[in-house]
């Protein structure tokens, strides 16, 4: 019985360690409407999805860009330093991972762009559909 009890304690400790480490590295998906105007913890990682707002892309040096991500309802300013995906451009779908700073600017450390004409992350497509800005034929940013 003592060995079974000890094994149970060790198993419980291992499960607790796994859950704590996963909790620290998880990033939650959000659309700009989920973040803008709300108090967010600056230590919380987010996966921000939406469309790169037309006219918002600014190159600031060799590897730093700023742009706005919109869900056609609200927009949030994003800064990113690093290699920009080849398919990244204004009006296209994007997913950025990072944190929101105290000024409400999203500081991305990962930037992902769509890979073909019909692809969009499911969460982004669902958010656009909920607002009536999604065409089932694959075009987005337009009212059906």
C-alpha atoms as a PDB file:
ATOM      1  CA  UNK A   1       0.000   0.000   0.000  1.00  0.00           C
ATOM      2  CA  UNK A   2       2.839   2.381   0.805  1.00  0.00           C
ATOM      3  CA  UNK A   3       4.333   1.933  -2.679  1.00  0.00           C
ATOM      4  CA  UNK A   4       0.978   2.586  -4.342  1.00  0.00           C
ATOM      5  CA  UNK A   5       0.504   5.722  -2.231  1.00  0.00           C
ATOM      6  CA  UNK A   6       4.022   6.948  -3.080  1.00  0.00           C
ATOM      7  CA  UNK A   7       3.412   6.295  -6.788  1.00  0.00           C
ATOM      8  CA  UNK A   8       0.179   8.281  -6.567  1.00  0.00           C
ATOM      9  CA  UNK A   9       1.981  11.231  -4.964  1.00  0.00           C
ATOM     10  CA  UNK A  10       4.701  11.154  -7.631  1.00  0.00           C
ATOM     11  CA  UNK A  11       2.079  10.973 -10.395  1.00  0.00           C
ATOM     12  CA  UNK A  12       0.134  13.901  -8.926  1.00  0.00           C
ATOM     13  CA  UNK A  13       3.336  15.968  -8.698  1.00  0.00           C
ATOM     14  CA  UNK A  14       4.212  15.180 -12.335  1.00  0.00           C
ATOM     15  CA  UNK A  15       0.730  16.151 -13.553  1.00  0.00           C
ATOM     16  CA  UNK A  16       0.909  19.408 -11.566  1.00  0.00           C
ATOM     17  CA  UNK A  17       4.305  20.287 -13.077  1.00  0.00           C
ATOM     18  CA  UNK A  18       3.045  19.619 -16.611  1.00  0.00           C
ATOM     19  CA  UNK A  19      -0.070  21.743 -16.132  1.00  0.00           C
ATOM     20  CA  UNK A  20       1.892  24.649 -14.624  1.00  0.00           C
ATOM     21  CA  UNK A  21       4.452  24.632 -17.452  1.00  0.00           C
ATOM     22  CA  UNK A  22       1.724  24.448 -20.124  1.00  0.00           C
ATOM     23  CA  UNK A  23      -0.148  27.314 -18.522  1.00  0.00           C
ATOM     24  CA  UNK A  24       2.919  29.541 -18.814  1.00  0.00           C
ATOM     25  CA  UNK A  25       3.488  28.833 -22.498  1.00  0.00           C
ATOM     26  CA  UNK A  26      -0.081  28.862 -23.821  1.00  0.00           C
ATOM     27  CA  UNK A  27      -1.274  31.663 -26.058  1.00  0.00           C
ATOM     28  CA  UNK A  28      -4.986  32.344 -26.403  1.00  0.00           C
ATOM     29  CA  UNK A  29      -6.566  33.312 -29.725  1.00  0.00           C
ATOM     30  CA  UNK A  30      -8.159  36.732 -29.913  1.00  0.00           C
ATOM     31  CA  UNK A  31      -9.541  39.082 -32.525  1.00  0.00           C
ATOM     32  CA  UNK A  32      -8.839  42.823 -32.152  1.00  0.00           C
ATOM     33  CA  UNK A  33     -12.345  43.296 -30.678  1.00  0.00           C
ATOM     34  CA  UNK A  34     -11.377  40.929 -27.852  1.00  0.00           C
ATOM     35  CA  UNK A  35      -8.362  43.041 -26.854  1.00  0.00           C
ATOM     36  CA  UNK A  36      -8.959  46.708 -27.763  1.00  0.00           C
ATOM     37  CA  UNK A  37     -10.334  48.761 -24.872  1.00  0.00           C
ATOM     38  CA  UNK A  38     -10.039  45.956 -22.335  1.00  0.00           C
ATOM     39  CA  UNK A  39      -7.615  45.556 -19.455  1.00  0.00           C
ATOM     40  CA  UNK A  40      -5.229  42.791 -20.486  1.00  0.00           C
ATOM     41  CA  UNK A  41      -2.356  41.362 -18.499  1.00  0.00           C
ATOM     42  CA  UNK A  42       0.920  42.448 -20.156  1.00  0.00           C
ATOM     43  CA  UNK A  43       2.428  39.049 -19.328  1.00  0.00           C
ATOM     44  CA  UNK A  44      -0.361  37.147 -21.146  1.00  0.00           C
ATOM     45  CA  UNK A  45       0.603  35.774 -24.553  1.00  0.00           C
ATOM     46  CA  UNK A  46      -1.994  36.119 -27.292  1.00  0.00           C
ATOM     47  CA  UNK A  47      -2.477  34.805 -30.801  1.00  0.00           C
ATOM     48  CA  UNK A  48      -4.010  37.745 -32.647  1.00  0.00           C
ATOM     49  CA  UNK A  49      -5.827  37.073 -35.901  1.00  0.00           C
ATOM     50  CA  UNK A  50      -7.477  39.259 -38.487  1.00  0.00           C
ATOM     51  CA  UNK A  51      -6.775  41.206 -41.648  1.00  0.00           C
ATOM     52  CA  UNK A  52      -3.837  43.549 -42.219  1.00  0.00           C
ATOM     53  CA  UNK A  53      -5.556  46.911 -42.503  1.00  0.00           C
ATOM     54  CA  UNK A  54      -5.006  48.626 -45.849  1.00  0.00           C
ATOM     55  CA  UNK A  55      -2.781  51.704 -45.648  1.00  0.00           C
ATOM     56  CA  UNK A  56      -1.370  50.776 -42.227  1.00  0.00           C
ATOM     57  CA  UNK A  57       1.884  48.997 -43.144  1.00  0.00           C
ATOM     58  CA  UNK A  58       5.037  50.991 -42.302  1.00  0.00           C
ATOM     59  CA  UNK A  59       8.608  49.683 -42.655  1.00  0.00           C
ATOM     60  CA  UNK A  60      10.780  50.988 -39.834  1.00  0.00           C
ATOM     61  CA  UNK A  61      14.277  49.917 -40.738  1.00  0.00           C
ATOM     62  CA  UNK A  62      15.584  46.721 -42.231  1.00  0.00           C
ATOM     63  CA  UNK A  63      13.581  44.227 -40.196  1.00  0.00           C
ATOM     64  CA  UNK A  64      10.931  46.099 -38.184  1.00  0.00           C
ATOM     65  CA  UNK A  65       7.398  46.795 -39.375  1.00  0.00           C
ATOM     66  CA  UNK A  66       4.272  48.273 -37.851  1.00  0.00           C
ATOM     67  CA  UNK A  67       0.764  47.664 -39.129  1.00  0.00           C
ATOM     68  CA  UNK A  68      -2.799  47.395 -37.879  1.00  0.00           C
ATOM     69  CA  UNK A  69      -4.792  44.186 -37.619  1.00  0.00           C
ATOM     70  CA  UNK A  70      -8.549  44.521 -37.956  1.00  0.00           C
ATOM     71  CA  UNK A  71     -11.546  42.252 -37.629  1.00  0.00           C
ATOM     72  CA  UNK A  72     -13.513  44.949 -39.528  1.00  0.00           C
ATOM     73  CA  UNK A  73     -14.957  46.078 -36.200  1.00  0.00           C
ATOM     74  CA  UNK A  74     -11.881  47.233 -34.261  1.00  0.00           C
ATOM     75  CA  UNK A  75      -8.172  47.546 -35.041  1.00  0.00           C
ATOM     76  CA  UNK A  76      -5.001  47.169 -33.015  1.00  0.00           C
ATOM     77  CA  UNK A  77      -1.517  48.429 -33.854  1.00  0.00           C
ATOM     78  CA  UNK A  78       1.107  45.679 -34.160  1.00  0.00           C
ATOM     79  CA  UNK A  79       4.893  45.925 -34.211  1.00  0.00           C
ATOM     80  CA  UNK A  80       7.084  43.081 -35.404  1.00  0.00           C
ATOM     81  CA  UNK A  81      10.846  42.687 -35.748  1.00  0.00           C
ATOM     82  CA  UNK A  82      12.128  39.773 -37.777  1.00  0.00           C
ATOM     83  CA  UNK A  83      11.755  38.083 -41.115  1.00  0.00           C
ATOM     84  CA  UNK A  84       8.425  38.964 -42.704  1.00  0.00           C
ATOM     85  CA  UNK A  85       6.673  36.078 -44.518  1.00  0.00           C
ATOM     86  CA  UNK A  86       6.691  36.396 -48.322  1.00  0.00           C
ATOM     87  CA  UNK A  87       2.884  36.345 -48.505  1.00  0.00           C
ATOM     88  CA  UNK A  88       2.424  39.082 -45.890  1.00  0.00           C
ATOM     89  CA  UNK A  89       0.714  42.186 -47.320  1.00  0.00           C
ATOM     90  CA  UNK A  90      -2.107  44.627 -46.676  1.00  0.00           C
ATOM     91  CA  UNK A  91      -5.628  43.267 -46.998  1.00  0.00           C
ATOM     92  CA  UNK A  92      -4.503  39.680 -46.318  1.00  0.00           C
ATOM     93  CA  UNK A  93      -5.151  37.415 -43.349  1.00  0.00           C
ATOM     94  CA  UNK A  94      -2.523  37.310 -40.624  1.00  0.00           C
ATOM     95  CA  UNK A  95      -1.913  35.646 -37.287  1.00  0.00           C
ATOM     96  CA  UNK A  96       0.579  37.273 -34.900  1.00  0.00           C
ATOM     97  CA  UNK A  97       1.741  35.861 -31.578  1.00  0.00           C
ATOM     98  CA  UNK A  98       2.980  38.091 -28.783  1.00  0.00           C
ATOM     99  CA  UNK A  99       1.929  40.358 -25.920  1.00  0.00           C
ATOM    100  CA  UNK A 100       0.073  43.645 -25.523  1.00  0.00           C
ATOM    101  CA  UNK A 101       2.210  46.365 -23.931  1.00  0.00           C
ATOM    102  CA  UNK A 102       1.026  49.056 -21.518  1.00  0.00           C
ATOM    103  CA  UNK A 103       0.259  51.441 -24.399  1.00  0.00           C
ATOM    104  CA  UNK A 104      -2.108  48.942 -26.036  1.00  0.00           C
ATOM    105  CA  UNK A 105       0.310  48.051 -28.850  1.00  0.00           C
ATOM    106  CA  UNK A 106       0.606  44.382 -29.770  1.00  0.00           C
ATOM    107  CA  UNK A 107       4.307  43.364 -29.743  1.00  0.00           C
ATOM    108  CA  UNK A 108       4.530  40.317 -32.013  1.00  0.00           C
ATOM    109  CA  UNK A 109       7.413  37.870 -31.987  1.00  0.00           C
ATOM    110  CA  UNK A 110       5.834  35.426 -34.467  1.00  0.00           C
ATOM    111  CA  UNK A 111       4.093  36.441 -37.694  1.00  0.00           C
ATOM    112  CA  UNK A 112       2.176  34.033 -39.944  1.00  0.00           C
ATOM    113  CA  UNK A 113       0.536  34.829 -43.287  1.00  0.00           C
ATOM    114  CA  UNK A 114      -2.018  32.913 -45.336  1.00  0.00           C
ATOM    115  CA  UNK A 115      -0.623  30.495 -47.890  1.00  0.00           C
ATOM    116  CA  UNK A 116      -3.196  30.469 -50.694  1.00  0.00           C
ATOM    117  CA  UNK A 117      -6.344  32.175 -51.874  1.00  0.00           C
ATOM    118  CA  UNK A 118      -8.779  30.198 -49.717  1.00  0.00           C
ATOM    119  CA  UNK A 119      -6.833  29.637 -46.489  1.00  0.00           C
ATOM    120  CA  UNK A 120      -7.591  31.561 -43.317  1.00  0.00           C
ATOM    121  CA  UNK A 121      -7.160  30.303 -39.741  1.00  0.00           C
ATOM    122  CA  UNK A 122     -10.477  28.899 -38.509  1.00  0.00           C
ATOM    123  CA  UNK A 123     -10.676  31.305 -35.578  1.00  0.00           C
ATOM    124  CA  UNK A 124     -10.165  34.339 -37.842  1.00  0.00           C
ATOM    125  CA  UNK A 125     -12.754  33.083 -40.331  1.00  0.00           C
ATOM    126  CA  UNK A 126     -15.242  32.460 -37.508  1.00  0.00           C
ATOM    127  CA  UNK A 127     -14.734  35.982 -36.140  1.00  0.00           C
ATOM    128  CA  UNK A 128     -15.279  37.507 -39.604  1.00  0.00           C
ATOM    129  CA  UNK A 129     -18.331  35.305 -40.224  1.00  0.00           C
ATOM    130  CA  UNK A 130     -19.847  36.422 -36.914  1.00  0.00           C
ATOM    131  CA  UNK A 131     -19.608  40.026 -38.108  1.00  0.00           C
ATOM    132  CA  UNK A 132     -20.985  39.290 -41.577  1.00  0.00           C
ATOM    133  CA  UNK A 133     -17.698  40.001 -43.406  1.00  0.00           C
ATOM    134  CA  UNK A 134     -16.998  36.552 -44.847  1.00  0.00           C
ATOM    135  CA  UNK A 135     -17.810  35.113 -48.242  1.00  0.00           C
ATOM    136  CA  UNK A 136     -17.964  31.309 -48.200  1.00  0.00           C
ATOM    137  CA  UNK A 137     -16.259  31.263 -51.609  1.00  0.00           C
ATOM    138  CA  UNK A 138     -13.003  32.206 -49.919  1.00  0.00           C
ATOM    139  CA  UNK A 139     -12.949  35.973 -50.281  1.00  0.00           C
ATOM    140  CA  UNK A 140     -12.843  37.928 -47.070  1.00  0.00           C
ATOM    141  CA  UNK A 141     -13.078  41.541 -46.130  1.00  0.00           C
ATOM    142  CA  UNK A 142     -16.197  41.838 -48.299  1.00  0.00           C
ATOM    143  CA  UNK A 143     -19.829  41.628 -47.399  1.00  0.00           C
ATOM    144  CA  UNK A 144     -21.455  38.598 -49.055  1.00  0.00           C
END
